[in-house]
């Protein structure tokens, strides 16, 4: 009951959801010119390890960014890209 007879075909238990971090939190934790990576986000306490590993990180555009930062190793939304580039930062990879 509840899931139907084809539940095993519709549920992907191995799917990895990214950990979400907002630009407003990055603005507070980092200084101008810093590199933002999953490892540095972990060091600043913005993300936690998942299963003993560094998580996949997605940066969302909630909040304002005034510092010039370099973001690498993270996925991002379009509004995030616009805000980072407007502040003079860059996105690598």
N, C-alpha and C. Protein backbone atom coordinates (compact mmCIF):
# COMPACT_ATOMS: atom_id res chain seq x y z
N UNK A 1 0.83 -1.20 0.00
CA UNK A 1 0.00 0.00 0.00
C UNK A 1 0.86 1.26 0.00
N UNK A 2 0.38 2.25 -0.68
CA UNK A 2 1.02 3.56 -0.60
C UNK A 2 2.02 3.85 -1.71
N UNK A 3 2.82 2.87 -2.12
CA UNK A 3 3.85 3.15 -3.11
C UNK A 3 3.55 2.55 -4.47
N UNK A 4 2.68 1.60 -4.54
CA UNK A 4 2.38 0.95 -5.81
C UNK A 4 3.36 -0.17 -6.09
N UNK A 5 3.04 -0.95 -7.08
CA UNK A 5 3.86 -2.13 -7.32
C UNK A 5 5.14 -1.82 -8.09
N UNK A 6 5.25 -0.63 -8.69
CA UNK A 6 6.45 -0.28 -9.46
C UNK A 6 7.34 0.74 -8.74
N UNK A 7 7.30 0.78 -7.44
CA UNK A 7 8.07 1.76 -6.68
C UNK A 7 9.57 1.64 -6.95
N UNK A 8 10.09 0.45 -7.07
CA UNK A 8 11.52 0.25 -7.28
C UNK A 8 11.99 0.87 -8.59
N UNK A 9 11.13 1.00 -9.56
CA UNK A 9 11.51 1.58 -10.84
C UNK A 9 11.46 3.10 -10.83
N UNK A 10 10.74 3.68 -9.89
CA UNK A 10 10.56 5.13 -9.89
C UNK A 10 11.40 5.85 -8.84
N UNK A 11 11.96 5.15 -7.89
CA UNK A 11 12.74 5.78 -6.84
C UNK A 11 14.22 5.52 -7.09
N UNK A 12 15.00 6.60 -7.18
CA UNK A 12 16.44 6.49 -7.38
C UNK A 12 17.13 6.79 -6.05
N UNK A 13 17.49 5.77 -5.32
CA UNK A 13 18.08 5.95 -4.00
C UNK A 13 19.54 6.39 -4.06
N UNK A 14 20.18 6.32 -5.22
CA UNK A 14 21.57 6.70 -5.36
C UNK A 14 21.75 8.14 -5.83
N UNK A 15 20.65 8.84 -6.05
CA UNK A 15 20.72 10.23 -6.50
C UNK A 15 21.31 11.10 -5.41
N UNK A 16 22.28 11.91 -5.75
CA UNK A 16 22.94 12.77 -4.79
C UNK A 16 22.43 14.20 -4.96
N UNK A 17 21.78 14.71 -3.93
CA UNK A 17 21.29 16.08 -3.98
C UNK A 17 22.38 17.02 -3.46
N UNK A 18 22.55 18.17 -4.11
CA UNK A 18 23.60 19.08 -3.65
C UNK A 18 23.21 19.79 -2.36
N UNK A 19 24.23 20.18 -1.60
CA UNK A 19 24.03 21.00 -0.42
C UNK A 19 23.92 22.45 -0.89
N UNK A 20 22.92 23.16 -0.39
CA UNK A 20 22.64 24.51 -0.86
C UNK A 20 23.28 25.53 0.07
N UNK A 21 23.96 26.53 -0.54
CA UNK A 21 24.55 27.64 0.20
C UNK A 21 24.11 28.94 -0.48
N UNK A 22 23.67 29.90 0.30
CA UNK A 22 23.22 31.18 -0.24
C UNK A 22 24.36 32.18 -0.31
N UNK A 23 24.28 33.11 -1.26
CA UNK A 23 25.31 34.14 -1.41
C UNK A 23 25.43 35.01 -0.17
N UNK A 24 24.33 35.25 0.51
CA UNK A 24 24.37 36.06 1.73
C UNK A 24 25.26 35.43 2.80
N UNK A 25 25.24 34.12 2.92
CA UNK A 25 26.09 33.42 3.88
C UNK A 25 27.56 33.48 3.46
N UNK A 26 27.82 33.38 2.16
CA UNK A 26 29.19 33.48 1.66
C UNK A 26 29.73 34.88 1.88
N UNK A 27 28.89 35.89 1.69
CA UNK A 27 29.28 37.29 1.91
C UNK A 27 29.79 37.51 3.33
N UNK A 28 29.12 36.91 4.30
CA UNK A 28 29.50 37.07 5.71
C UNK A 28 30.78 36.31 6.04
N UNK A 29 30.94 35.11 5.50
CA UNK A 29 32.03 34.23 5.92
C UNK A 29 33.36 34.49 5.22
N UNK A 30 33.36 35.05 4.01
CA UNK A 30 34.59 35.18 3.24
C UNK A 30 35.00 36.64 3.10
N UNK A 31 36.30 36.85 2.88
CA UNK A 31 36.86 38.17 2.63
C UNK A 31 37.02 38.38 1.13
N UNK A 32 37.20 39.62 0.73
CA UNK A 32 37.38 39.93 -0.68
C UNK A 32 38.65 39.27 -1.20
N UNK A 33 38.57 38.67 -2.39
CA UNK A 33 39.71 38.01 -2.99
C UNK A 33 39.86 36.55 -2.63
N UNK A 34 39.01 36.02 -1.77
CA UNK A 34 39.10 34.62 -1.35
C UNK A 34 38.60 33.68 -2.45
N UNK A 35 39.05 32.44 -2.34
CA UNK A 35 38.60 31.36 -3.22
C UNK A 35 37.49 30.60 -2.51
N UNK A 36 36.37 30.38 -3.20
CA UNK A 36 35.24 29.64 -2.63
C UNK A 36 35.18 28.28 -3.31
N UNK A 37 35.43 27.22 -2.53
CA UNK A 37 35.36 25.84 -3.01
C UNK A 37 34.60 25.03 -1.96
N UNK A 38 34.19 23.81 -2.28
CA UNK A 38 33.56 23.00 -1.25
C UNK A 38 34.44 22.82 -0.01
N UNK A 39 35.76 22.72 -0.19
CA UNK A 39 36.66 22.56 0.96
C UNK A 39 36.68 23.81 1.83
N UNK A 40 36.71 24.99 1.21
CA UNK A 40 36.73 26.22 2.01
C UNK A 40 35.37 26.47 2.67
N UNK A 41 34.30 26.06 2.00
CA UNK A 41 32.97 26.18 2.63
C UNK A 41 32.88 25.27 3.85
N UNK A 42 33.48 24.09 3.76
CA UNK A 42 33.52 23.17 4.90
C UNK A 42 34.34 23.77 6.04
N UNK A 43 35.48 24.38 5.70
CA UNK A 43 36.34 24.98 6.72
C UNK A 43 35.66 26.15 7.44
N UNK A 44 34.81 26.89 6.72
CA UNK A 44 34.09 28.02 7.33
C UNK A 44 32.79 27.58 8.01
N UNK A 45 32.46 26.30 7.92
CA UNK A 45 31.28 25.78 8.62
C UNK A 45 29.96 26.02 7.90
N UNK A 46 30.01 26.31 6.60
CA UNK A 46 28.77 26.54 5.85
C UNK A 46 28.16 25.26 5.32
N UNK A 47 28.96 24.21 5.18
CA UNK A 47 28.46 22.90 4.76
C UNK A 47 29.06 21.85 5.69
N UNK A 48 28.46 20.67 5.69
CA UNK A 48 28.95 19.55 6.49
C UNK A 48 29.27 18.38 5.56
N UNK A 49 30.14 17.50 6.01
CA UNK A 49 30.47 16.32 5.21
C UNK A 49 29.24 15.43 5.08
N UNK A 50 29.14 14.76 3.94
CA UNK A 50 28.04 13.84 3.69
C UNK A 50 28.66 12.47 3.46
N UNK A 51 28.40 11.56 4.37
CA UNK A 51 28.96 10.21 4.26
C UNK A 51 30.48 10.21 4.35
N UNK A 52 31.04 11.15 5.09
CA UNK A 52 32.48 11.22 5.25
C UNK A 52 33.21 11.89 4.10
N UNK A 53 32.48 12.45 3.15
CA UNK A 53 33.09 13.09 1.98
C UNK A 53 32.64 14.54 1.87
N UNK A 54 33.37 15.29 1.05
CA UNK A 54 32.93 16.65 0.75
C UNK A 54 31.63 16.58 -0.05
N UNK A 55 30.68 17.42 0.26
CA UNK A 55 29.41 17.37 -0.47
C UNK A 55 29.50 18.08 -1.80
N UNK A 56 28.55 17.78 -2.69
CA UNK A 56 28.37 18.59 -3.88
C UNK A 56 27.64 19.84 -3.43
N UNK A 57 28.07 20.98 -3.90
CA UNK A 57 27.56 22.26 -3.41
C UNK A 57 26.92 23.03 -4.56
N UNK A 58 25.75 23.61 -4.28
CA UNK A 58 25.11 24.52 -5.22
C UNK A 58 24.95 25.86 -4.54
N UNK A 59 25.43 26.91 -5.20
CA UNK A 59 25.35 28.26 -4.66
C UNK A 59 24.12 28.94 -5.26
N UNK A 60 23.24 29.42 -4.39
CA UNK A 60 22.03 30.12 -4.83
C UNK A 60 22.20 31.61 -4.65
N UNK A 61 21.43 32.39 -5.40
CA UNK A 61 21.59 33.84 -5.43
C UNK A 61 20.83 34.59 -4.37
N UNK A 62 20.44 33.97 -3.28
CA UNK A 62 19.72 34.67 -2.22
C UNK A 62 20.71 35.51 -1.42
N UNK A 63 20.45 36.80 -1.34
CA UNK A 63 21.35 37.71 -0.63
C UNK A 63 22.15 38.54 -1.61
N UNK A 64 22.92 39.47 -1.09
CA UNK A 64 23.73 40.36 -1.92
C UNK A 64 25.20 40.03 -1.75
N UNK A 65 25.98 40.31 -2.78
CA UNK A 65 27.41 40.08 -2.75
C UNK A 65 28.12 41.36 -3.15
N UNK A 66 29.03 41.83 -2.30
CA UNK A 66 29.78 43.04 -2.59
C UNK A 66 31.28 42.77 -2.68
N UNK A 67 31.71 41.54 -2.43
CA UNK A 67 33.13 41.20 -2.41
C UNK A 67 33.51 40.47 -3.69
N UNK A 68 34.75 40.68 -4.11
CA UNK A 68 35.27 40.02 -5.29
C UNK A 68 35.75 38.63 -4.89
N UNK A 69 35.05 37.58 -5.32
CA UNK A 69 35.37 36.21 -4.96
C UNK A 69 35.59 35.36 -6.21
N UNK A 70 36.33 34.28 -6.05
CA UNK A 70 36.52 33.30 -7.10
C UNK A 70 35.83 32.01 -6.66
N UNK A 71 34.85 31.57 -7.42
CA UNK A 71 34.07 30.37 -7.08
C UNK A 71 34.47 29.24 -8.02
N UNK A 72 34.83 28.08 -7.45
CA UNK A 72 35.18 26.93 -8.28
C UNK A 72 34.70 25.65 -7.60
N UNK A 73 34.41 24.67 -8.42
CA UNK A 73 34.02 23.37 -7.90
C UNK A 73 32.58 23.30 -7.41
N UNK A 74 31.78 24.32 -7.70
CA UNK A 74 30.39 24.37 -7.25
C UNK A 74 29.49 24.58 -8.46
N UNK A 75 28.26 24.11 -8.35
CA UNK A 75 27.26 24.48 -9.34
C UNK A 75 26.59 25.75 -8.84
N UNK A 76 25.90 26.45 -9.70
CA UNK A 76 25.34 27.75 -9.33
C UNK A 76 24.12 28.05 -10.19
N UNK A 77 23.31 28.96 -9.72
CA UNK A 77 22.15 29.40 -10.47
C UNK A 77 22.54 30.59 -11.34
N UNK A 78 21.67 30.96 -12.28
CA UNK A 78 21.96 32.08 -13.16
C UNK A 78 22.05 33.40 -12.40
N UNK A 79 21.18 33.58 -11.41
CA UNK A 79 21.23 34.82 -10.63
C UNK A 79 22.52 34.90 -9.83
N UNK A 80 23.05 33.76 -9.40
CA UNK A 80 24.32 33.74 -8.69
C UNK A 80 25.45 34.19 -9.60
N UNK A 81 25.47 33.67 -10.82
CA UNK A 81 26.51 34.03 -11.77
C UNK A 81 26.49 35.53 -12.04
N UNK A 82 25.31 36.08 -12.23
CA UNK A 82 25.17 37.52 -12.49
C UNK A 82 25.69 38.34 -11.31
N UNK A 83 25.34 37.96 -10.09
CA UNK A 83 25.75 38.72 -8.91
C UNK A 83 27.25 38.63 -8.66
N UNK A 84 27.84 37.45 -8.89
CA UNK A 84 29.28 37.30 -8.69
C UNK A 84 30.05 38.13 -9.71
N UNK A 85 29.62 38.08 -10.96
CA UNK A 85 30.31 38.85 -12.00
C UNK A 85 30.09 40.35 -11.82
N UNK A 86 28.93 40.76 -11.33
CA UNK A 86 28.66 42.17 -11.09
C UNK A 86 29.57 42.70 -9.96
N UNK A 87 29.88 41.87 -8.97
CA UNK A 87 30.75 42.27 -7.87
C UNK A 87 32.22 42.21 -8.25
N UNK A 88 32.54 41.74 -9.47
CA UNK A 88 33.92 41.68 -9.93
C UNK A 88 34.58 40.33 -9.74
N UNK A 89 33.84 39.34 -9.29
CA UNK A 89 34.38 38.01 -9.08
C UNK A 89 34.34 37.17 -10.34
N UNK A 90 34.86 35.97 -10.23
CA UNK A 90 34.88 35.06 -11.36
C UNK A 90 34.39 33.68 -10.94
N UNK A 91 33.93 32.92 -11.93
CA UNK A 91 33.50 31.54 -11.71
C UNK A 91 34.39 30.66 -12.58
N UNK A 92 35.04 29.69 -11.94
CA UNK A 92 35.94 28.77 -12.64
C UNK A 92 35.29 27.41 -12.65
N UNK A 93 35.12 26.84 -13.83
CA UNK A 93 34.57 25.49 -13.96
C UNK A 93 33.21 25.41 -13.49
